[in-house]
Amino acid sequence: MVTADADVPGGTAPPDRRRPRRWPPRRPAADAMDVLAAGMEIAAQLREGLASPHAGAAARRLRRLLDADAIGLVDLHGTAVWSGDRDARAPGLVDEALGGDHRARRPGLLALPLRARDELAGALVVAGPVRVNAARQAAAWVGEALERGRLEASAGTAEQAELRALRAEISPHFVYNTLTTIASFVGSDPERARDLLLDFAEYIRHNLARHGDYTTLAGEFRAIEAYLTLARAVLGERLRVQVRIAPEVLPVAVPFLALQPLVENAVQHGVERSESGGSVQVSGEAQGSECVISVEDDGPGMDPAHARAILAGQAAGSSLGLVNVDRRLRTVFGAGYGLVIETAEGAGTRVVMRVPRFHPGVVAS
C-alpha cells in the first residue's frame, strides 16, 4: 500500500532530489594552535624592529606560514632581511609600495606597506603563489608586532624619564638650608659639621647614583636616615621622627627612589608648613607575601579628592614625586600594587606603599 501525502498533489511523495549540504572542512585545532604559537614567536622576534638580529627568524617563520618562495622584511632605511632567494625586482617594488602607501604587485611578487601606530614602518615582500588576502593578513600581523614593540620601548623610556625627574627633584631650597646649617657648625661644633657633611654626601650619592633600576629597602632607608638627619639639623625641634622597620623586609627589592620621595613629601608638606612643626612616622612590616610601608605626618592634610587627583596625575603643584613612584610601582609589580593616600583636611596624611616581598625579574643591584 502506498500512503498518500496530503501536501503533495497526486498523493505520492516524490523522491528527495536535494543535494547533500557540504560543510567547509574544519581546520584541526592543533594546526590553529601552531599558527597562534608561530604568531607569538614572530611578535617576540620583531619586538626590536625590522633591523633587529631576530628579524631573519621572523622572516623564516612567515615564509613557512604562507608557504611562500621567499619573504623579505624591509625597514624605512632600506635594510632588508630575507628568507629565500631575493628577487631583483624587490627594491623598486618596495619603493612603489612605500611611496604610494599601497600594495604593489608584479607577476609572482607582492610588496605591502607595514604600519605601526598609524605610521609607515617598512614593507613586507612576498614571492611565490600566495593569496593577496593571506599576504595582507601577514602584513597586518607584522605591523601589530612592530607597534607592540614600540609601545614597550616607549613605556621603558617613560619609566626612565620618571626616574630622571625624581633625581632632578632635589630641592635647591633644602640643599641651600642644609649647607648653611653645616657651615654654622664649622666653628662651634666641627665634629657635628663633619658628620652632617657625610650625611649630605650619602644623600646626594643615593639620589644621583647611576646603578641598576632596583635597590633594597635597606638601601632606601640609609638614604632616608641621611635625609632625616639633615632635615632635623635644619628644622631643629620642629621635626620629630619615629622609624620602625621589621628586619625581614630590609632585603625586599624595590624600584630605585621608591620610598625617599614619600618621606620628603611628609617633611615638606606635613611639617615645614606648620609653625609649630610636627612629626613624621615611618613603619614597615611584612604581611604574608607582601611588604607594607607607611609614611605618616600630622600636618594639615588635604581634601581626599585632591589626593585622588594627585595619584591620577591631575593635580598641579609639587606632587611629581608621588605620581612617579605610584606609576613606577604599578608598572613593575602590576595594578594591584602602588600607593594609597589616606588623608583629610586637618587630620594629617598617611601614604601607604604595598609591594610583593618577591617578584620575578626584580633584583637589587
Protein backbone atom coordinates (compact mmCIF):
# COMPACT_ATOMS: atom_id res chain seq x y z
CA MET A 1 0.00 0.00 0.00
CA VAL A 2 1.17 3.47 -0.87
CA THR A 3 0.50 6.06 1.77
CA ALA A 4 -0.82 9.34 0.43
CA ASP A 5 0.87 12.60 1.42
CA ALA A 6 -1.73 15.35 1.83
CA ASP A 7 0.81 18.07 0.87
CA VAL A 8 1.74 16.57 -2.49
CA PRO A 9 -0.60 16.74 -5.46
CA GLY A 10 -1.41 13.29 -6.77
CA GLY A 11 -0.91 11.77 -3.37
CA THR A 12 2.50 10.22 -3.81
CA ALA A 13 5.62 11.87 -2.29
CA PRO A 14 8.39 12.38 -4.88
CA PRO A 15 11.86 11.23 -4.07
CA ASP A 16 14.08 13.84 -2.31
CA ARG A 17 16.46 15.12 -5.01
CA ARG A 18 18.08 17.83 -2.84
CA ARG A 19 21.88 17.73 -2.87
CA PRO A 20 23.55 16.91 0.44
CA ARG A 21 24.83 20.01 2.26
CA ARG A 22 28.57 20.41 2.07
CA TRP A 23 30.33 21.96 5.06
CA PRO A 24 33.76 23.55 4.67
CA PRO A 25 36.47 21.32 6.08
CA ARG A 26 37.41 22.18 9.62
CA ARG A 27 40.99 23.09 10.38
CA PRO A 28 42.33 20.83 13.10
CA ALA A 29 42.69 22.62 16.44
CA ALA A 30 46.33 21.57 16.58
CA ASP A 31 47.03 23.44 13.33
CA ALA A 32 45.33 26.56 14.67
CA MET A 33 47.40 26.41 17.84
CA ASP A 34 50.56 26.02 15.77
CA VAL A 35 49.67 29.15 13.82
CA LEU A 36 48.97 31.02 17.06
CA ALA A 37 52.28 29.90 18.54
CA ALA A 38 54.11 30.97 15.37
CA GLY A 39 52.43 34.37 15.57
CA MET A 40 53.60 34.84 19.14
CA GLU A 41 57.14 33.88 18.14
CA ILE A 42 57.07 36.36 15.24
CA ALA A 43 55.85 39.13 17.56
CA ALA A 44 58.68 38.41 20.01
CA GLN A 45 61.28 38.32 17.23
CA LEU A 46 60.15 41.68 15.84
CA ARG A 47 59.97 43.42 19.21
CA GLU A 48 63.15 45.37 18.43
CA GLY A 49 62.17 46.25 14.87
CA LEU A 50 62.77 45.05 11.33
CA ALA A 51 66.53 45.52 11.56
CA SER A 52 66.92 43.52 14.78
CA PRO A 53 69.11 40.37 14.87
CA HIS A 54 65.94 38.27 15.22
CA ALA A 55 64.13 39.65 12.15
CA GLY A 56 65.60 36.90 9.96
CA ALA A 57 63.98 34.24 12.15
CA ALA A 58 60.66 36.07 11.83
CA ALA A 59 61.01 36.09 8.03
CA ARG A 60 61.62 32.34 8.03
CA ARG A 61 58.53 31.69 10.12
CA LEU A 62 56.41 33.91 7.87
CA ARG A 63 57.70 32.08 4.84
CA ARG A 64 56.65 28.73 6.30
CA LEU A 65 53.23 30.03 7.36
CA LEU A 66 52.47 31.49 3.92
CA ASP A 67 54.19 28.66 2.03
CA ALA A 68 55.97 31.36 0.03
CA ASP A 69 59.03 31.06 -2.19
CA ALA A 70 60.66 33.96 -0.35
CA ILE A 71 59.84 36.59 2.27
CA GLY A 72 61.53 39.96 2.70
CA LEU A 73 61.23 42.43 5.59
CA VAL A 74 62.43 45.93 4.67
CA ASP A 75 62.63 48.92 7.01
CA LEU A 76 62.37 52.58 6.04
CA HIS A 77 66.16 52.86 5.67
CA GLY A 78 66.23 50.11 3.05
CA THR A 79 67.73 47.49 5.36
CA ALA A 80 66.27 44.14 4.33
CA VAL A 81 66.29 40.62 5.74
CA TRP A 82 65.27 37.73 3.52
CA SER A 83 64.23 34.14 3.83
CA GLY A 84 64.63 32.55 0.39
CA ASP A 85 66.15 33.97 -2.76
CA ARG A 86 65.90 37.72 -3.06
CA ASP A 87 64.05 38.91 -6.18
CA ALA A 88 65.91 41.63 -8.11
CA ARG A 89 62.62 43.45 -8.66
CA ALA A 90 62.02 43.84 -4.92
CA PRO A 91 63.72 47.23 -4.26
CA GLY A 92 61.69 49.02 -6.94
CA LEU A 93 58.50 47.36 -5.77
CA VAL A 94 59.19 48.37 -2.17
CA ASP A 95 59.75 52.00 -3.21
CA GLU A 96 56.42 51.92 -5.05
CA ALA A 97 54.58 50.42 -2.08
CA LEU A 98 56.04 52.88 0.43
CA GLY A 99 55.76 55.90 -1.85
CA GLY A 100 52.06 55.33 -2.53
CA ASP A 101 51.25 53.64 0.79
CA HIS A 102 49.51 50.79 -1.01
CA ARG A 103 50.34 47.31 -2.20
CA ALA A 104 52.50 46.98 -5.31
CA ARG A 105 52.46 43.87 -7.46
CA ARG A 106 54.39 42.14 -10.21
CA PRO A 107 53.95 38.59 -11.51
CA GLY A 108 54.87 36.31 -8.63
CA LEU A 109 55.91 39.20 -6.37
CA LEU A 110 53.97 41.37 -3.95
CA ALA A 111 55.02 44.23 -1.64
CA LEU A 112 52.78 45.60 1.11
CA PRO A 113 53.43 48.60 3.38
CA LEU A 114 53.75 47.90 7.10
CA ARG A 115 52.15 50.32 9.54
CA ALA A 116 52.81 50.71 13.26
CA ARG A 117 50.93 53.28 15.36
CA ASP A 118 49.45 54.74 12.16
CA GLU A 119 52.90 55.37 10.72
CA LEU A 120 54.77 53.66 7.90
CA ALA A 121 57.34 51.29 9.36
CA GLY A 122 58.57 49.37 6.31
CA ALA A 123 57.39 46.80 3.81
CA LEU A 124 56.66 43.09 3.57
CA VAL A 125 57.72 41.42 0.30
CA VAL A 126 56.15 38.09 -0.64
CA ALA A 127 57.39 35.98 -3.55
CA GLY A 128 55.51 33.00 -4.91
CA PRO A 129 51.89 31.86 -5.37
CA VAL A 130 50.49 33.39 -2.16
CA ARG A 131 46.95 34.74 -1.97
CA VAL A 132 46.72 38.51 -1.57
CA ASN A 133 44.39 38.21 1.44
CA ALA A 134 46.85 35.93 3.22
CA ALA A 135 49.74 38.32 2.49
CA ARG A 136 47.67 41.28 3.66
CA GLN A 137 46.86 39.48 6.92
CA ALA A 138 50.54 38.70 7.42
CA ALA A 139 51.40 42.38 6.89
CA ALA A 140 48.83 43.39 9.49
CA TRP A 141 50.29 40.80 11.86
CA VAL A 142 53.82 42.17 11.41
CA GLY A 143 52.58 45.75 11.85
CA GLU A 144 50.89 44.86 15.14
CA ALA A 145 54.09 43.20 16.35
CA LEU A 146 56.12 46.31 15.50
CA GLU A 147 53.55 48.53 17.22
CA ARG A 148 53.66 46.40 20.37
CA GLY A 149 57.44 46.64 20.41
CA ARG A 150 57.31 50.42 20.06
CA LEU A 151 54.80 50.69 22.90
CA GLU A 152 57.01 48.57 25.15
CA ALA A 153 60.01 50.70 24.27
CA SER A 154 58.00 53.87 24.96
CA ALA A 155 56.95 52.51 28.35
CA GLY A 156 60.57 51.80 29.22
CA THR A 157 61.63 55.25 28.08
CA ALA A 158 58.84 56.87 30.10
CA GLU A 159 59.88 54.95 33.20
CA GLN A 160 63.48 56.10 32.82
CA ALA A 161 62.27 59.67 32.29
CA GLU A 162 60.25 59.48 35.50
CA LEU A 163 63.31 58.24 37.37
CA ARG A 164 65.38 61.10 35.94
CA ALA A 165 62.66 63.52 37.03
CA LEU A 166 62.82 62.15 40.57
CA ARG A 167 66.59 62.53 40.61
CA ALA A 168 66.25 66.09 39.39
CA GLU A 169 63.70 66.93 42.11
CA ILE A 170 66.31 67.63 44.80
CA SER A 171 65.06 70.85 46.33
CA PRO A 172 67.52 73.74 45.90
CA HIS A 173 65.91 75.25 49.00
CA PHE A 174 66.72 72.13 51.03
CA VAL A 175 70.29 71.99 49.70
CA TYR A 176 70.86 75.67 50.49
CA ASN A 177 69.48 75.36 54.03
CA THR A 178 71.49 72.18 54.66
CA LEU A 179 74.79 73.68 53.54
CA THR A 180 74.07 76.84 55.52
CA THR A 181 73.38 74.77 58.63
CA ILE A 182 76.57 72.75 58.15
CA ALA A 183 78.55 75.98 57.74
CA SER A 184 77.12 77.29 61.03
CA PHE A 185 78.62 74.34 62.89
CA VAL A 186 82.08 74.52 61.33
CA GLY A 187 83.43 76.87 64.01
CA SER A 188 81.28 75.93 67.03
CA ASP A 189 80.99 72.17 66.57
CA PRO A 190 83.34 70.92 63.82
CA GLU A 191 82.66 67.26 64.65
CA ARG A 192 78.94 67.69 64.01
CA ALA A 193 79.65 69.66 60.86
CA ARG A 194 81.78 66.77 59.62
CA ASP A 195 79.04 64.21 60.38
CA LEU A 196 76.40 66.31 58.66
CA LEU A 197 78.63 66.73 55.63
CA LEU A 198 78.98 62.94 55.39
CA ASP A 199 75.19 62.58 55.65
CA PHE A 200 74.77 65.16 52.90
CA ALA A 201 77.23 63.24 50.71
CA GLU A 202 75.26 60.00 51.28
CA TYR A 203 72.00 61.74 50.41
CA ILE A 204 73.40 63.19 47.18
CA ARG A 205 75.14 59.93 46.23
CA HIS A 206 71.91 57.94 46.54
CA ASN A 207 69.88 60.45 44.51
CA LEU A 208 72.40 60.73 41.70
CA ALA A 209 73.53 57.10 41.60
CA ARG A 210 73.62 55.53 38.12
CA HIS A 211 73.44 51.87 39.07
CA GLY A 212 70.56 49.48 38.30
CA ASP A 213 66.82 50.08 38.35
CA TYR A 214 66.28 48.39 41.72
CA THR A 215 67.64 48.65 45.22
CA THR A 216 66.74 47.14 48.58
CA LEU A 217 64.61 48.76 51.23
CA ALA A 218 67.75 48.74 53.37
CA GLY A 219 69.44 50.95 50.76
CA GLU A 220 66.45 53.27 50.62
CA PHE A 221 66.40 53.56 54.41
CA ARG A 222 70.08 54.50 54.55
CA ALA A 223 69.34 57.45 52.27
CA ILE A 224 66.22 58.30 54.28
CA GLU A 225 68.21 58.27 57.52
CA ALA A 226 70.73 60.68 55.98
CA TYR A 227 67.92 62.93 54.74
CA LEU A 228 66.12 63.00 58.11
CA THR A 229 69.37 63.76 59.95
CA LEU A 230 69.90 66.76 57.68
CA ALA A 231 66.26 67.83 58.00
CA ARG A 232 66.46 67.69 61.81
CA ALA A 233 69.62 69.79 61.70
CA VAL A 234 67.78 72.42 59.63
CA LEU A 235 64.39 72.33 61.40
CA GLY A 236 65.61 71.59 64.91
CA GLU A 237 62.89 70.72 67.43
CA ARG A 238 60.17 71.42 64.88
CA LEU A 239 60.76 67.98 63.34
CA ARG A 240 60.10 64.80 65.34
CA VAL A 241 60.82 61.47 63.70
CA GLN A 242 59.96 57.86 64.51
CA VAL A 243 61.12 54.97 62.31
CA ARG A 244 60.10 51.35 62.93
CA ILE A 245 61.10 48.78 60.32
CA ALA A 246 60.87 45.00 60.67
CA PRO A 247 64.23 43.40 59.80
CA GLU A 248 62.64 40.82 57.48
CA VAL A 249 61.60 43.49 54.96
CA LEU A 250 65.02 45.13 54.61
CA PRO A 251 66.16 42.79 51.76
CA VAL A 252 62.98 43.43 49.72
CA ALA A 253 63.83 44.78 46.25
CA VAL A 254 62.01 47.93 45.14
CA PRO A 255 62.43 50.41 42.28
CA PHE A 256 65.18 52.93 42.91
CA LEU A 257 63.94 56.06 44.77
CA ALA A 258 60.61 54.44 45.65
CA LEU A 259 60.48 55.40 49.33
CA GLN A 260 62.56 58.53 49.78
CA PRO A 261 60.11 60.86 47.93
CA LEU A 262 57.35 59.79 50.34
CA VAL A 263 59.42 60.84 53.36
CA GLU A 264 60.50 64.11 51.74
CA ASN A 265 56.86 64.86 50.89
CA ALA A 266 55.85 64.30 54.54
CA VAL A 267 58.55 66.66 55.81
CA GLN A 268 57.95 69.40 53.23
CA HIS A 269 54.15 69.36 53.20
CA GLY A 270 53.36 68.00 56.63
CA VAL A 271 55.97 69.60 58.91
CA GLU A 272 57.51 72.67 57.26
CA ARG A 273 54.08 74.23 56.62
CA SER A 274 53.28 74.24 60.33
CA GLU A 275 54.82 76.93 62.53
CA SER A 276 54.96 74.53 65.47
CA GLY A 277 56.42 71.74 63.34
CA GLY A 278 55.20 68.17 63.51
CA SER A 279 56.11 64.51 63.46
CA VAL A 280 56.87 62.01 60.73
CA GLN A 281 56.43 58.29 61.37
CA VAL A 282 57.84 55.65 59.02
CA SER A 283 56.95 51.99 59.52
CA GLY A 284 57.49 48.83 57.54
CA GLU A 285 56.34 45.27 58.09
CA ALA A 286 55.73 42.01 56.29
CA GLN A 287 52.14 40.93 55.74
CA GLY A 288 52.24 37.44 54.30
CA SER A 289 53.85 37.61 50.87
CA GLU A 290 53.68 41.40 50.81
CA CYS A 291 55.62 44.28 52.33
CA VAL A 292 53.70 47.30 53.61
CA ILE A 293 55.47 50.61 54.20
CA SER A 294 53.66 53.63 55.59
CA VAL A 295 54.82 57.24 55.93
CA GLU A 296 52.60 59.37 58.13
CA ASP A 297 52.67 63.01 59.20
CA ASP A 298 50.42 65.05 61.49
CA GLY A 299 50.39 68.10 59.22
CA PRO A 300 47.42 69.96 57.71
CA GLY A 301 46.30 67.08 55.48
CA MET A 302 44.22 67.65 52.36
CA ASP A 303 40.90 67.02 50.70
CA PRO A 304 40.67 63.30 49.75
CA ALA A 305 39.54 64.36 46.27
CA HIS A 306 42.79 66.27 45.87
CA ALA A 307 44.73 63.18 46.96
CA ARG A 308 42.99 61.13 44.27
CA ALA A 309 43.82 63.81 41.71
CA ILE A 310 47.49 63.67 42.75
CA LEU A 311 47.78 59.94 42.05
CA ALA A 312 45.86 60.39 38.81
CA GLY A 313 48.44 62.97 37.70
CA GLN A 314 45.76 65.67 37.53
CA ALA A 315 46.90 67.90 40.42
CA ALA A 316 49.08 70.93 39.97
CA GLY A 317 51.93 71.68 42.33
CA SER A 318 54.81 69.71 43.78
CA SER A 319 53.26 66.24 43.64
CA LEU A 320 55.50 64.84 40.90
CA GLY A 321 57.35 62.54 43.31
CA LEU A 322 54.21 60.70 44.49
CA VAL A 323 52.85 60.34 40.95
CA ASN A 324 56.11 58.95 39.60
CA VAL A 325 56.54 56.49 42.46
CA ASP A 326 52.98 55.21 42.09
CA ARG A 327 53.29 54.74 38.32
CA ARG A 328 56.65 53.00 38.59
CA LEU A 329 55.39 50.61 41.27
CA ARG A 330 52.35 49.68 39.17
CA THR A 331 54.47 49.25 36.05
CA VAL A 332 56.89 46.91 37.81
CA PHE A 333 54.58 44.94 40.10
CA GLY A 334 51.14 45.26 38.50
CA ALA A 335 47.93 47.22 39.02
CA GLY A 336 47.31 45.64 42.45
CA TYR A 337 50.27 47.50 43.93
CA GLY A 338 51.30 51.13 44.27
CA LEU A 339 50.44 53.95 46.65
CA VAL A 340 47.34 54.69 48.71
CA ILE A 341 46.87 58.15 50.29
CA GLU A 342 44.79 58.33 53.47
CA THR A 343 44.08 61.92 54.44
CA ALA A 344 41.55 64.55 55.40
CA GLU A 345 41.75 68.29 55.98
CA GLY A 346 43.26 68.93 59.40
CA ALA A 347 43.94 65.23 60.00
CA GLY A 348 47.42 64.72 58.57
CA THR A 349 48.40 62.41 55.73
CA ARG A 350 49.34 58.75 55.57
CA VAL A 351 50.86 57.31 52.40
CA VAL A 352 50.93 53.51 52.19
CA MET A 353 53.18 51.64 49.78
CA ARG A 354 52.41 47.97 49.19
CA VAL A 355 54.84 45.76 47.23
CA PRO A 356 55.44 42.00 46.95
CA ARG A 357 58.33 40.66 49.02
CA PHE A 358 59.49 38.67 45.98
CA HIS A 359 58.78 39.36 42.32
CA PRO A 360 60.27 37.71 39.20
CA GLY A 361 62.84 39.90 37.48
CA VAL A 362 63.06 42.45 40.30
CA VAL A 363 66.55 42.05 41.74
CA ALA A 364 68.51 44.71 43.58
CA SER A 365 71.90 45.52 42.08
